[in-house]
């Protein structure tokens, strides 16, 4: 099921060209394609999930199955997990290139950068990249050019909304820490957007960096020392891997937290507002399918989802002594009791 498409501002005009006759192949050619075993590389900064089928990455396999592919029969997925160590991504990307995979699916900005540096010929499908044009992955959303296409997220664009929602729950909020990963290039834009939004209020936002579990611990201690009244967790694959650690620290230091993804709230974070990542990976399969059928990645527009979900953990709010405004509860897609 296609996800809704964001209609970006002028600098990101998007022309929808998916599903047109230009991307179709004759039936005979399609049959020949499907007789061949296709090899897809999947590159991620995360560690291998305990149960891949139930992880958001499993949604990619589900999407491929819905398109008729059978893993082990006409599809082989070469999984490459960096275990949270971004420095391993370049060598893992080179491994996929050496295997001559047909397509590389890049989960998160650091993985996309490693894949881009490893090949300019093998098609690359982006999944959760906040600004693929600004980061130099593509020429434009409508006409990516080169060997890269896929899905962009709205993390940077919606970050001011994160600040606004936090402020609505904590009216006296004056200082907000922003947890960033210095290894993630996209975080600079998010921080800039948050600082610009904060200038219109009485709130001061300040970054605190972390790229290891130990640095996350230190970051939260620094937040308290700098009198933070809340924390915004910037979208990052490593932070997603440490989601329970971050939720526990937020609770221990009594810091209301805001993030982009529901998984953070499910383990005890206060609130999230963003897209459903499982749906993103499921939809990424449609890009892989089109490329395997002969479409050129540079001709496939990069899409942005507009369906954003608000998830609130009422139990966490009660533990922090916070009252959730009625209007926010009414807007919520899910309230965890």
C-alpha atoms as a PDB file:
ATOM      1  CA  UNK A   1       0.000   0.000   0.000  1.00  0.00           C
ATOM      2  CA  UNK A   2       1.701   3.219  -1.126  1.00  0.00           C
ATOM      3  CA  UNK A   3       2.429   5.746   1.540  1.00  0.00           C
ATOM      4  CA  UNK A   4       1.116   9.288   1.022  1.00  0.00           C
ATOM      5  CA  UNK A   5       3.503  11.623  -0.681  1.00  0.00           C
ATOM      6  CA  UNK A   6       4.652  14.881   0.883  1.00  0.00           C
ATOM      7  CA  UNK A   7       4.207  17.921  -1.301  1.00  0.00           C
ATOM      8  CA  UNK A   8       7.410  19.785  -0.446  1.00  0.00           C
ATOM      9  CA  UNK A   9       8.089  23.489  -0.649  1.00  0.00           C
ATOM     10  CA  UNK A  10       9.484  25.032  -3.808  1.00  0.00           C
ATOM     11  CA  UNK A  11      13.052  23.947  -3.205  1.00  0.00           C
ATOM     12  CA  UNK A  12      11.872  20.352  -3.144  1.00  0.00           C
ATOM     13  CA  UNK A  13       9.237  20.101  -5.820  1.00  0.00           C
ATOM     14  CA  UNK A  14       8.293  16.518  -6.461  1.00  0.00           C
ATOM     15  CA  UNK A  15       6.992  15.098  -9.716  1.00  0.00           C
ATOM     16  CA  UNK A  16       5.237  11.797  -9.292  1.00  0.00           C
ATOM     17  CA  UNK A  17       6.207   9.490 -12.104  1.00  0.00           C
ATOM     18  CA  UNK A  18       5.859   6.079 -10.500  1.00  0.00           C
ATOM     19  CA  UNK A  19       3.686   3.548 -12.167  1.00  0.00           C
ATOM     20  CA  UNK A  20       3.855   5.134 -15.609  1.00  0.00           C
ATOM     21  CA  UNK A  21       4.294   3.203 -18.799  1.00  0.00           C
ATOM     22  CA  UNK A  22       7.884   4.417 -19.060  1.00  0.00           C
ATOM     23  CA  UNK A  23       8.815   2.155 -16.173  1.00  0.00           C
ATOM     24  CA  UNK A  24       7.062  -0.976 -17.402  1.00  0.00           C
ATOM     25  CA  UNK A  25       8.643  -3.910 -19.212  1.00  0.00           C
ATOM     26  CA  UNK A  26       7.231  -6.340 -21.769  1.00  0.00           C
ATOM     27  CA  UNK A  27       5.804  -9.491 -20.184  1.00  0.00           C
ATOM     28  CA  UNK A  28       8.435 -11.737 -21.776  1.00  0.00           C
ATOM     29  CA  UNK A  29      11.228  -9.585 -20.369  1.00  0.00           C
ATOM     30  CA  UNK A  30       9.540  -9.630 -16.955  1.00  0.00           C
ATOM     31  CA  UNK A  31       9.382 -13.440 -16.998  1.00  0.00           C
ATOM     32  CA  UNK A  32      13.080 -13.647 -17.817  1.00  0.00           C
ATOM     33  CA  UNK A  33      13.846 -11.271 -14.950  1.00  0.00           C
ATOM     34  CA  UNK A  34      11.868 -13.386 -12.468  1.00  0.00           C
ATOM     35  CA  UNK A  35      13.575 -16.631 -13.557  1.00  0.00           C
ATOM     36  CA  UNK A  36      16.836 -15.187 -12.289  1.00  0.00           C
ATOM     37  CA  UNK A  37      17.810 -15.199  -8.615  1.00  0.00           C
ATOM     38  CA  UNK A  38      18.244 -11.592  -7.574  1.00  0.00           C
ATOM     39  CA  UNK A  39      20.692 -10.573  -4.870  1.00  0.00           C
ATOM     40  CA  UNK A  40      19.872  -7.519  -2.741  1.00  0.00           C
ATOM     41  CA  UNK A  41      22.273  -5.991  -0.241  1.00  0.00           C
ATOM     42  CA  UNK A  42      20.854  -4.473   2.940  1.00  0.00           C
ATOM     43  CA  UNK A  43      23.260  -2.179   4.790  1.00  0.00           C
ATOM     44  CA  UNK A  44      22.480  -0.859   8.264  1.00  0.00           C
ATOM     45  CA  UNK A  45      24.343   0.675  11.193  1.00  0.00           C
ATOM     46  CA  UNK A  46      22.294  -1.448  13.608  1.00  0.00           C
ATOM     47  CA  UNK A  47      23.036  -4.841  15.129  1.00  0.00           C
ATOM     48  CA  UNK A  48      21.102  -7.834  13.829  1.00  0.00           C
ATOM     49  CA  UNK A  49      17.687  -7.926  15.530  1.00  0.00           C
ATOM     50  CA  UNK A  50      16.914 -11.000  17.591  1.00  0.00           C
ATOM     51  CA  UNK A  51      13.789 -11.619  15.531  1.00  0.00           C
ATOM     52  CA  UNK A  52      14.272 -10.061  12.117  1.00  0.00           C
ATOM     53  CA  UNK A  53      10.775 -10.986  10.998  1.00  0.00           C
ATOM     54  CA  UNK A  54       9.200  -8.833  13.708  1.00  0.00           C
ATOM     55  CA  UNK A  55      11.663  -5.957  13.400  1.00  0.00           C
ATOM     56  CA  UNK A  56      10.987  -2.991  11.117  1.00  0.00           C
ATOM     57  CA  UNK A  57      13.568  -4.441   8.706  1.00  0.00           C
ATOM     58  CA  UNK A  58      11.331  -7.478   8.431  1.00  0.00           C
ATOM     59  CA  UNK A  59       8.800  -5.186   6.786  1.00  0.00           C
ATOM     60  CA  UNK A  60      11.159  -4.970   3.803  1.00  0.00           C
ATOM     61  CA  UNK A  61      10.993  -8.745   3.382  1.00  0.00           C
ATOM     62  CA  UNK A  62       7.224  -8.564   3.750  1.00  0.00           C
ATOM     63  CA  UNK A  63       7.105  -5.964   1.003  1.00  0.00           C
ATOM     64  CA  UNK A  64       9.205  -8.145  -1.288  1.00  0.00           C
ATOM     65  CA  UNK A  65       6.930 -11.130  -0.612  1.00  0.00           C
ATOM     66  CA  UNK A  66       3.882  -9.028  -1.429  1.00  0.00           C
ATOM     67  CA  UNK A  67       5.521  -8.271  -4.781  1.00  0.00           C
ATOM     68  CA  UNK A  68       5.947 -11.983  -5.467  1.00  0.00           C
ATOM     69  CA  UNK A  69       9.551 -12.611  -4.448  1.00  0.00           C
ATOM     70  CA  UNK A  70      10.435 -15.678  -2.399  1.00  0.00           C
ATOM     71  CA  UNK A  71      13.594 -15.476  -0.321  1.00  0.00           C
ATOM     72  CA  UNK A  72      15.835 -18.451  -1.056  1.00  0.00           C
ATOM     73  CA  UNK A  73      14.133 -19.112  -4.392  1.00  0.00           C
ATOM     74  CA  UNK A  74      14.365 -16.003  -6.565  1.00  0.00           C
ATOM     75  CA  UNK A  75      15.656 -13.592  -3.925  1.00  0.00           C
ATOM     76  CA  UNK A  76      18.749 -13.561  -1.727  1.00  0.00           C
ATOM     77  CA  UNK A  77      19.192 -10.736   0.791  1.00  0.00           C
ATOM     78  CA  UNK A  78      22.759 -10.075   1.859  1.00  0.00           C
ATOM     79  CA  UNK A  79      22.383  -8.515   5.312  1.00  0.00           C
ATOM     80  CA  UNK A  80      25.212  -6.383   6.628  1.00  0.00           C
ATOM     81  CA  UNK A  81      24.907  -5.097  10.209  1.00  0.00           C
ATOM     82  CA  UNK A  82      27.446  -2.660  11.684  1.00  0.00           C
ATOM     83  CA  UNK A  83      26.449  -3.353  15.333  1.00  0.00           C
ATOM     84  CA  UNK A  84      26.189   0.368  16.034  1.00  0.00           C
ATOM     85  CA  UNK A  85      29.777   0.976  14.881  1.00  0.00           C
ATOM     86  CA  UNK A  86      29.489   3.433  12.026  1.00  0.00           C
ATOM     87  CA  UNK A  87      33.177   3.037  11.178  1.00  0.00           C
ATOM     88  CA  UNK A  88      32.441  -0.507   9.937  1.00  0.00           C
ATOM     89  CA  UNK A  89      29.969   0.642   7.296  1.00  0.00           C
ATOM     90  CA  UNK A  90      32.508   1.429   4.518  1.00  0.00           C
ATOM     91  CA  UNK A  91      34.031  -2.058   4.617  1.00  0.00           C
ATOM     92  CA  UNK A  92      30.576  -3.666   4.759  1.00  0.00           C
ATOM     93  CA  UNK A  93      29.511  -1.600   1.746  1.00  0.00           C
ATOM     94  CA  UNK A  94      32.586  -2.754  -0.157  1.00  0.00           C
ATOM     95  CA  UNK A  95      31.693  -6.356   0.658  1.00  0.00           C
ATOM     96  CA  UNK A  96      28.308  -5.889  -0.978  1.00  0.00           C
ATOM     97  CA  UNK A  97      29.936  -4.349  -4.051  1.00  0.00           C
ATOM     98  CA  UNK A  98      32.350  -7.280  -4.305  1.00  0.00           C
ATOM     99  CA  UNK A  99      29.381  -9.654  -4.149  1.00  0.00           C
ATOM    100  CA  UNK A 100      27.951  -7.798  -7.161  1.00  0.00           C
ATOM    101  CA  UNK A 101      24.524  -7.390  -5.602  1.00  0.00           C
ATOM    102  CA  UNK A 102      21.819  -6.081  -7.903  1.00  0.00           C
ATOM    103  CA  UNK A 103      20.651  -3.355  -5.493  1.00  0.00           C
ATOM    104  CA  UNK A 104      21.778  -1.962  -2.123  1.00  0.00           C
ATOM    105  CA  UNK A 105      19.141  -0.850   0.387  1.00  0.00           C
ATOM    106  CA  UNK A 106      20.722   1.705   2.733  1.00  0.00           C
ATOM    107  CA  UNK A 107      19.106   2.086   6.139  1.00  0.00           C
ATOM    108  CA  UNK A 108      19.979   5.548   7.529  1.00  0.00           C
ATOM    109  CA  UNK A 109      22.296   8.331   6.384  1.00  0.00           C
ATOM    110  CA  UNK A 110      25.662   6.800   7.442  1.00  0.00           C
ATOM    111  CA  UNK A 111      24.838   3.601   5.553  1.00  0.00           C
ATOM    112  CA  UNK A 112      23.806   5.581   2.492  1.00  0.00           C
ATOM    113  CA  UNK A 113      27.064   7.538   2.582  1.00  0.00           C
ATOM    114  CA  UNK A 114      29.121   4.347   2.828  1.00  0.00           C
ATOM    115  CA  UNK A 115      27.233   2.804  -0.098  1.00  0.00           C
ATOM    116  CA  UNK A 116      27.606   5.959  -2.178  1.00  0.00           C
ATOM    117  CA  UNK A 117      31.359   5.974  -1.610  1.00  0.00           C
ATOM    118  CA  UNK A 118      31.623   2.275  -2.456  1.00  0.00           C
ATOM    119  CA  UNK A 119      29.856   2.354  -5.839  1.00  0.00           C
ATOM    120  CA  UNK A 120      28.510   4.704  -8.477  1.00  0.00           C
ATOM    121  CA  UNK A 121      27.038   1.927 -10.623  1.00  0.00           C
ATOM    122  CA  UNK A 122      25.069  -0.445  -8.369  1.00  0.00           C
ATOM    123  CA  UNK A 123      21.620   1.048  -7.658  1.00  0.00           C
ATOM    124  CA  UNK A 124      21.154   2.316  -4.096  1.00  0.00           C
ATOM    125  CA  UNK A 125      17.729   2.683  -2.454  1.00  0.00           C
ATOM    126  CA  UNK A 126      17.589   5.217   0.382  1.00  0.00           C
ATOM    127  CA  UNK A 127      15.174   4.655   3.244  1.00  0.00           C
ATOM    128  CA  UNK A 128      15.404   7.184   6.094  1.00  0.00           C
ATOM    129  CA  UNK A 129      17.426  10.132   4.808  1.00  0.00           C
ATOM    130  CA  UNK A 130      16.350  13.569   6.000  1.00  0.00           C
ATOM    131  CA  UNK A 131      17.783  15.728   3.196  1.00  0.00           C
ATOM    132  CA  UNK A 132      19.139  13.643   0.300  1.00  0.00           C
ATOM    133  CA  UNK A 133      19.620  16.712  -1.905  1.00  0.00           C
ATOM    134  CA  UNK A 134      21.436  18.806   0.688  1.00  0.00           C
ATOM    135  CA  UNK A 135      23.599  15.867   1.693  1.00  0.00           C
ATOM    136  CA  UNK A 136      24.660  15.302  -1.899  1.00  0.00           C
ATOM    137  CA  UNK A 137      23.046  11.932  -2.563  1.00  0.00           C
ATOM    138  CA  UNK A 138      20.807  13.097  -5.427  1.00  0.00           C
ATOM    139  CA  UNK A 139      20.421  16.096  -7.734  1.00  0.00           C
ATOM    140  CA  UNK A 140      16.734  16.639  -7.000  1.00  0.00           C
ATOM    141  CA  UNK A 141      13.769  14.763  -5.584  1.00  0.00           C
ATOM    142  CA  UNK A 142      12.009  14.694  -8.943  1.00  0.00           C
ATOM    143  CA  UNK A 143      15.043  13.625 -10.983  1.00  0.00           C
ATOM    144  CA  UNK A 144      17.650  12.052  -8.696  1.00  0.00           C
ATOM    145  CA  UNK A 145      20.105  11.215 -11.498  1.00  0.00           C
ATOM    146  CA  UNK A 146      22.960   8.786 -10.934  1.00  0.00           C
ATOM    147  CA  UNK A 147      22.501   5.467  -9.158  1.00  0.00           C
ATOM    148  CA  UNK A 148      20.570   6.594  -6.061  1.00  0.00           C
ATOM    149  CA  UNK A 149      16.840   6.926  -5.353  1.00  0.00           C
ATOM    150  CA  UNK A 150      14.409   5.923  -2.609  1.00  0.00           C
ATOM    151  CA  UNK A 151      12.631   7.539   0.313  1.00  0.00           C
ATOM    152  CA  UNK A 152      13.428  10.690   2.246  1.00  0.00           C
ATOM    153  CA  UNK A 153      12.095  11.363   5.730  1.00  0.00           C
ATOM    154  CA  UNK A 154      10.904  14.611   7.283  1.00  0.00           C
ATOM    155  CA  UNK A 155      13.024  14.567  10.436  1.00  0.00           C
ATOM    156  CA  UNK A 156      14.624  17.962   9.919  1.00  0.00           C
ATOM    157  CA  UNK A 157      11.417  19.577   8.675  1.00  0.00           C
ATOM    158  CA  UNK A 158       9.283  18.438  11.613  1.00  0.00           C
ATOM    159  CA  UNK A 159      11.833  19.071  14.359  1.00  0.00           C
ATOM    160  CA  UNK A 160      10.297  22.484  15.218  1.00  0.00           C
ATOM    161  CA  UNK A 161       7.032  20.629  15.803  1.00  0.00           C
ATOM    162  CA  UNK A 162       8.848  18.452  18.335  1.00  0.00           C
ATOM    163  CA  UNK A 163       9.834  21.562  20.262  1.00  0.00           C
ATOM    164  CA  UNK A 164       6.314  22.964  20.079  1.00  0.00           C
ATOM    165  CA  UNK A 165       4.748  19.763  21.417  1.00  0.00           C
ATOM    166  CA  UNK A 166       7.242  19.511  24.262  1.00  0.00           C
ATOM    167  CA  UNK A 167       6.480  23.084  25.210  1.00  0.00           C
ATOM    168  CA  UNK A 168       2.755  22.348  25.281  1.00  0.00           C
ATOM    169  CA  UNK A 169       3.295  19.608  27.853  1.00  0.00           C
ATOM    170  CA  UNK A 170       5.923  21.522  29.843  1.00  0.00           C
ATOM    171  CA  UNK A 171       4.668  25.154  29.693  1.00  0.00           C
ATOM    172  CA  UNK A 172       7.505  26.516  31.855  1.00  0.00           C
ATOM    173  CA  UNK A 173      10.149  24.871  29.703  1.00  0.00           C
ATOM    174  CA  UNK A 174      13.198  27.112  29.269  1.00  0.00           C
ATOM    175  CA  UNK A 175      16.087  24.821  28.298  1.00  0.00           C
ATOM    176  CA  UNK A 176      15.966  21.790  26.013  1.00  0.00           C
ATOM    177  CA  UNK A 177      18.848  19.423  25.342  1.00  0.00           C
ATOM    178  CA  UNK A 178      19.163  17.935  21.854  1.00  0.00           C
ATOM    179  CA  UNK A 179      20.830  14.518  21.756  1.00  0.00           C
ATOM    180  CA  UNK A 180      22.861  14.276  18.536  1.00  0.00           C
ATOM    181  CA  UNK A 181      25.346  11.849  17.050  1.00  0.00           C
ATOM    182  CA  UNK A 182      28.452  13.558  15.613  1.00  0.00           C
ATOM    183  CA  UNK A 183      28.847  10.657  13.196  1.00  0.00           C
ATOM    184  CA  UNK A 184      25.504  11.421  11.549  1.00  0.00           C
ATOM    185  CA  UNK A 185      25.784  14.221   8.979  1.00  0.00           C
ATOM    186  CA  UNK A 186      22.054  14.903   8.915  1.00  0.00           C
ATOM    187  CA  UNK A 187      21.963  16.032  12.546  1.00  0.00           C
ATOM    188  CA  UNK A 188      23.452  19.430  11.767  1.00  0.00           C
ATOM    189  CA  UNK A 189      20.355  20.444   9.761  1.00  0.00           C
ATOM    190  CA  UNK A 190      18.009  19.212  12.473  1.00  0.00           C
ATOM    191  CA  UNK A 191      19.865  21.183  15.126  1.00  0.00           C
ATOM    192  CA  UNK A 192      19.825  24.316  12.954  1.00  0.00           C
ATOM    193  CA  UNK A 193      16.055  24.019  12.479  1.00  0.00           C
ATOM    194  CA  UNK A 194      15.505  23.531  16.202  1.00  0.00           C
ATOM    195  CA  UNK A 195      17.648  26.536  17.091  1.00  0.00           C
ATOM    196  CA  UNK A 196      15.775  28.687  14.568  1.00  0.00           C
ATOM    197  CA  UNK A 197      12.446  27.590  16.038  1.00  0.00           C
ATOM    198  CA  UNK A 198      13.665  28.214  19.589  1.00  0.00           C
ATOM    199  CA  UNK A 199      14.596  31.803  18.729  1.00  0.00           C
ATOM    200  CA  UNK A 200      10.882  32.522  18.262  1.00  0.00           C
ATOM    201  CA  UNK A 201      10.217  31.435  21.846  1.00  0.00           C
ATOM    202  CA  UNK A 202      11.791  31.881  25.265  1.00  0.00           C
ATOM    203  CA  UNK A 203      13.383  28.429  25.014  1.00  0.00           C
ATOM    204  CA  UNK A 204      17.104  27.768  24.661  1.00  0.00           C
ATOM    205  CA  UNK A 205      18.150  24.568  22.910  1.00  0.00           C
ATOM    206  CA  UNK A 206      21.653  23.153  23.169  1.00  0.00           C
ATOM    207  CA  UNK A 207      23.267  20.042  21.639  1.00  0.00           C
ATOM    208  CA  UNK A 208      24.748  17.175  23.597  1.00  0.00           C
ATOM    209  CA  UNK A 209      26.667  14.588  21.583  1.00  0.00           C
ATOM    210  CA  UNK A 210      26.998  10.826  21.949  1.00  0.00           C
ATOM    211  CA  UNK A 211      28.068   7.942  19.748  1.00  0.00           C
ATOM    212  CA  UNK A 212      28.638   5.133  22.276  1.00  0.00           C
ATOM    213  CA  UNK A 213      26.536   3.790  25.167  1.00  0.00           C
ATOM    214  CA  UNK A 214      29.035   5.313  27.604  1.00  0.00           C
ATOM    215  CA  UNK A 215      28.748   8.696  25.906  1.00  0.00           C
ATOM    216  CA  UNK A 216      24.954   8.504  26.135  1.00  0.00           C
ATOM    217  CA  UNK A 217      25.270   8.087  29.910  1.00  0.00           C
ATOM    218  CA  UNK A 218      27.638  11.051  30.052  1.00  0.00           C
ATOM    219  CA  UNK A 219      25.366  13.095  27.790  1.00  0.00           C
ATOM    220  CA  UNK A 220      22.418  12.766  30.166  1.00  0.00           C
ATOM    221  CA  UNK A 221      24.561  13.786  33.115  1.00  0.00           C
ATOM    222  CA  UNK A 222      25.643  16.826  31.110  1.00  0.00           C
ATOM    223  CA  UNK A 223      22.011  17.673  30.341  1.00  0.00           C
ATOM    224  CA  UNK A 224      21.193  17.787  34.041  1.00  0.00           C
ATOM    225  CA  UNK A 225      24.301  19.835  34.797  1.00  0.00           C
ATOM    226  CA  UNK A 226      23.176  22.341  32.158  1.00  0.00           C
ATOM    227  CA  UNK A 227      19.689  22.531  33.682  1.00  0.00           C
ATOM    228  CA  UNK A 228      17.820  20.921  30.797  1.00  0.00           C
ATOM    229  CA  UNK A 229      14.088  20.645  31.366  1.00  0.00           C
ATOM    230  CA  UNK A 230      13.518  18.162  28.528  1.00  0.00           C
ATOM    231  CA  UNK A 231      15.375  16.348  25.752  1.00  0.00           C
ATOM    232  CA  UNK A 232      14.786  15.886  22.031  1.00  0.00           C
ATOM    233  CA  UNK A 233      16.263  12.676  20.627  1.00  0.00           C
ATOM    234  CA  UNK A 234      17.319  13.301  17.027  1.00  0.00           C
ATOM    235  CA  UNK A 235      16.548  10.407  14.679  1.00  0.00           C
ATOM    236  CA  UNK A 236      19.585   8.146  14.463  1.00  0.00           C
ATOM    237  CA  UNK A 237      20.147   4.430  13.878  1.00  0.00           C
ATOM    238  CA  UNK A 238      22.498   4.097  16.849  1.00  0.00           C
ATOM    239  CA  UNK A 239      20.062   5.877  19.160  1.00  0.00           C
ATOM    240  CA  UNK A 240      17.371   3.478  17.941  1.00  0.00           C
ATOM    241  CA  UNK A 241      19.594   0.604  18.974  1.00  0.00           C
ATOM    242  CA  UNK A 242      19.976   2.162  22.437  1.00  0.00           C
ATOM    243  CA  UNK A 243      16.329   3.083  22.755  1.00  0.00           C
ATOM    244  CA  UNK A 244      15.799   1.407  26.138  1.00  0.00           C
ATOM    245  CA  UNK A 245      18.953   2.940  27.614  1.00  0.00           C
ATOM    246  CA  UNK A 246      17.788   6.398  26.507  1.00  0.00           C
ATOM    247  CA  UNK A 247      14.268   5.867  27.864  1.00  0.00           C
ATOM    248  CA  UNK A 248      15.618   4.666  31.214  1.00  0.00           C
ATOM    249  CA  UNK A 249      17.987   7.628  31.510  1.00  0.00           C
ATOM    250  CA  UNK A 250      15.188  10.046  30.625  1.00  0.00           C
ATOM    251  CA  UNK A 251      13.090   8.546  33.409  1.00  0.00           C
ATOM    252  CA  UNK A 252      15.929   8.428  35.947  1.00  0.00           C
ATOM    253  CA  UNK A 253      16.834  12.063  35.369  1.00  0.00           C
ATOM    254  CA  UNK A 254      13.160  13.042  35.053  1.00  0.00           C
ATOM    255  CA  UNK A 255      13.602  14.547  31.610  1.00  0.00           C
ATOM    256  CA  UNK A 256      10.531  14.556  29.361  1.00  0.00           C
ATOM    257  CA  UNK A 257      11.652  13.180  25.996  1.00  0.00           C
ATOM    258  CA  UNK A 258      10.526  13.772  22.419  1.00  0.00           C
ATOM    259  CA  UNK A 259      11.583  11.681  19.439  1.00  0.00           C
ATOM    260  CA  UNK A 260      10.588  10.821  15.894  1.00  0.00           C
ATOM    261  CA  UNK A 261       9.694   7.174  16.326  1.00  0.00           C
ATOM    262  CA  UNK A 262       7.076   5.236  18.234  1.00  0.00           C
ATOM    263  CA  UNK A 263       9.555   2.569  19.362  1.00  0.00           C
ATOM    264  CA  UNK A 264      11.035   5.129  21.777  1.00  0.00           C
ATOM    265  CA  UNK A 265       7.642   5.662  23.405  1.00  0.00           C
ATOM    266  CA  UNK A 266       6.819   1.974  23.559  1.00  0.00           C
ATOM    267  CA  UNK A 267       9.766   1.408  25.900  1.00  0.00           C
ATOM    268  CA  UNK A 268       9.068   4.397  28.151  1.00  0.00           C
ATOM    269  CA  UNK A 269       9.803   7.614  26.275  1.00  0.00           C
ATOM    270  CA  UNK A 270       7.238  10.378  26.688  1.00  0.00           C
ATOM    271  CA  UNK A 271       6.237  11.232  23.142  1.00  0.00           C
ATOM    272  CA  UNK A 272       7.055  10.717  19.474  1.00  0.00           C
ATOM    273  CA  UNK A 273       5.950  12.406  16.289  1.00  0.00           C
ATOM    274  CA  UNK A 274       7.090  11.100  12.933  1.00  0.00           C
ATOM    275  CA  UNK A 275       6.633   8.442  10.330  1.00  0.00           C
ATOM    276  CA  UNK A 276       6.181   4.718  10.778  1.00  0.00           C
ATOM    277  CA  UNK A 277       9.544   3.221   9.880  1.00  0.00           C
ATOM    278  CA  UNK A 278       8.160  -0.258   9.229  1.00  0.00           C
ATOM    279  CA  UNK A 279       5.994   1.202   6.464  1.00  0.00           C
ATOM    280  CA  UNK A 280       9.024   2.963   5.013  1.00  0.00           C
ATOM    281  CA  UNK A 281      10.990  -0.278   4.707  1.00  0.00           C
ATOM    282  CA  UNK A 282       7.961  -2.090   3.367  1.00  0.00           C
ATOM    283  CA  UNK A 283       7.532   0.583   0.713  1.00  0.00           C
ATOM    284  CA  UNK A 284      11.248   0.544  -0.134  1.00  0.00           C
ATOM    285  CA  UNK A 285      10.595  -2.893  -1.630  1.00  0.00           C
ATOM    286  CA  UNK A 286       8.630  -1.229  -4.447  1.00  0.00           C
ATOM    287  CA  UNK A 287      11.761   0.694  -5.469  1.00  0.00           C
ATOM    288  CA  UNK A 288      13.852  -2.482  -5.415  1.00  0.00           C
ATOM    289  CA  UNK A 289      11.203  -4.250  -7.502  1.00  0.00           C
ATOM    290  CA  UNK A 290      11.129  -1.509 -10.147  1.00  0.00           C
ATOM    291  CA  UNK A 291      14.912  -1.474 -10.381  1.00  0.00           C
ATOM    292  CA  UNK A 292      15.080  -5.258 -10.693  1.00  0.00           C
ATOM    293  CA  UNK A 293      12.572  -4.973 -13.540  1.00  0.00           C
ATOM    294  CA  UNK A 294      14.822  -2.541 -15.391  1.00  0.00           C
ATOM    295  CA  UNK A 295      14.001   0.953 -14.157  1.00  0.00           C
ATOM    296  CA  UNK A 296      16.948   3.311 -13.744  1.00  0.00           C
ATOM    297  CA  UNK A 297      17.268   4.654 -10.195  1.00  0.00           C
ATOM    298  CA  UNK A 298      18.074   8.132 -11.487  1.00  0.00           C
ATOM    299  CA  UNK A 299      14.653   8.250 -13.171  1.00  0.00           C
ATOM    300  CA  UNK A 300      12.657   7.242 -10.067  1.00  0.00           C
ATOM    301  CA  UNK A 301      11.563  10.275  -8.020  1.00  0.00           C
ATOM    302  CA  UNK A 302      12.495  10.282  -4.351  1.00  0.00           C
ATOM    303  CA  UNK A 303       9.323  10.310  -2.276  1.00  0.00           C
ATOM    304  CA  UNK A 304       8.514  11.792   1.119  1.00  0.00           C
ATOM    305  CA  UNK A 305       5.742  10.440   3.340  1.00  0.00           C
ATOM    306  CA  UNK A 306       3.173  12.784   4.798  1.00  0.00           C
ATOM    307  CA  UNK A 307       1.461  10.352   7.145  1.00  0.00           C
ATOM    308  CA  UNK A 308       2.933  11.214  10.515  1.00  0.00           C
ATOM    309  CA  UNK A 309       1.844   9.602  13.761  1.00  0.00           C
ATOM    310  CA  UNK A 310       1.765  11.053  17.262  1.00  0.00           C
ATOM    311  CA  UNK A 311       2.277   8.539  20.082  1.00  0.00           C
ATOM    312  CA  UNK A 312       2.100   9.507  23.755  1.00  0.00           C
ATOM    313  CA  UNK A 313       2.973   7.454  26.819  1.00  0.00           C
ATOM    314  CA  UNK A 314       0.479   8.531  29.480  1.00  0.00           C
ATOM    315  CA  UNK A 315       2.139   6.313  32.112  1.00  0.00           C
ATOM    316  CA  UNK A 316       5.459   8.105  31.588  1.00  0.00           C
ATOM    317  CA  UNK A 317       3.709  11.482  31.765  1.00  0.00           C
ATOM    318  CA  UNK A 318       2.138  10.555  35.108  1.00  0.00           C
ATOM    319  CA  UNK A 319       5.517   9.417  36.419  1.00  0.00           C
ATOM    320  CA  UNK A 320       6.953  12.811  35.502  1.00  0.00           C
ATOM    321  CA  UNK A 321       4.017  14.634  37.047  1.00  0.00           C
ATOM    322  CA  UNK A 322       2.927  16.060  33.701  1.00  0.00           C
ATOM    323  CA  UNK A 323      -0.598  16.711  32.494  1.00  0.00           C
ATOM    324  CA  UNK A 324      -1.085  16.075  28.794  1.00  0.00           C
ATOM    325  CA  UNK A 325      -3.208  18.807  27.162  1.00  0.00           C
ATOM    326  CA  UNK A 326      -6.563  17.540  25.939  1.00  0.00           C
ATOM    327  CA  UNK A 327      -5.969  18.847  22.425  1.00  0.00           C
ATOM    328  CA  UNK A 328      -2.745  16.836  22.198  1.00  0.00           C
ATOM    329  CA  UNK A 329      -4.504  13.678  23.375  1.00  0.00           C
ATOM    330  CA  UNK A 330      -7.187  14.185  20.755  1.00  0.00           C
ATOM    331  CA  UNK A 331      -4.521  14.484  18.057  1.00  0.00           C
ATOM    332  CA  UNK A 332      -2.673  11.361  19.171  1.00  0.00           C
ATOM    333  CA  UNK A 333      -2.752   8.283  16.975  1.00  0.00           C
ATOM    334  CA  UNK A 334      -2.047   6.152  20.033  1.00  0.00           C
ATOM    335  CA  UNK A 335      -1.920   6.759  23.785  1.00  0.00           C
ATOM    336  CA  UNK A 336      -0.007   4.148  25.762  1.00  0.00           C
ATOM    337  CA  UNK A 337      -1.493   3.704  29.228  1.00  0.00           C
END
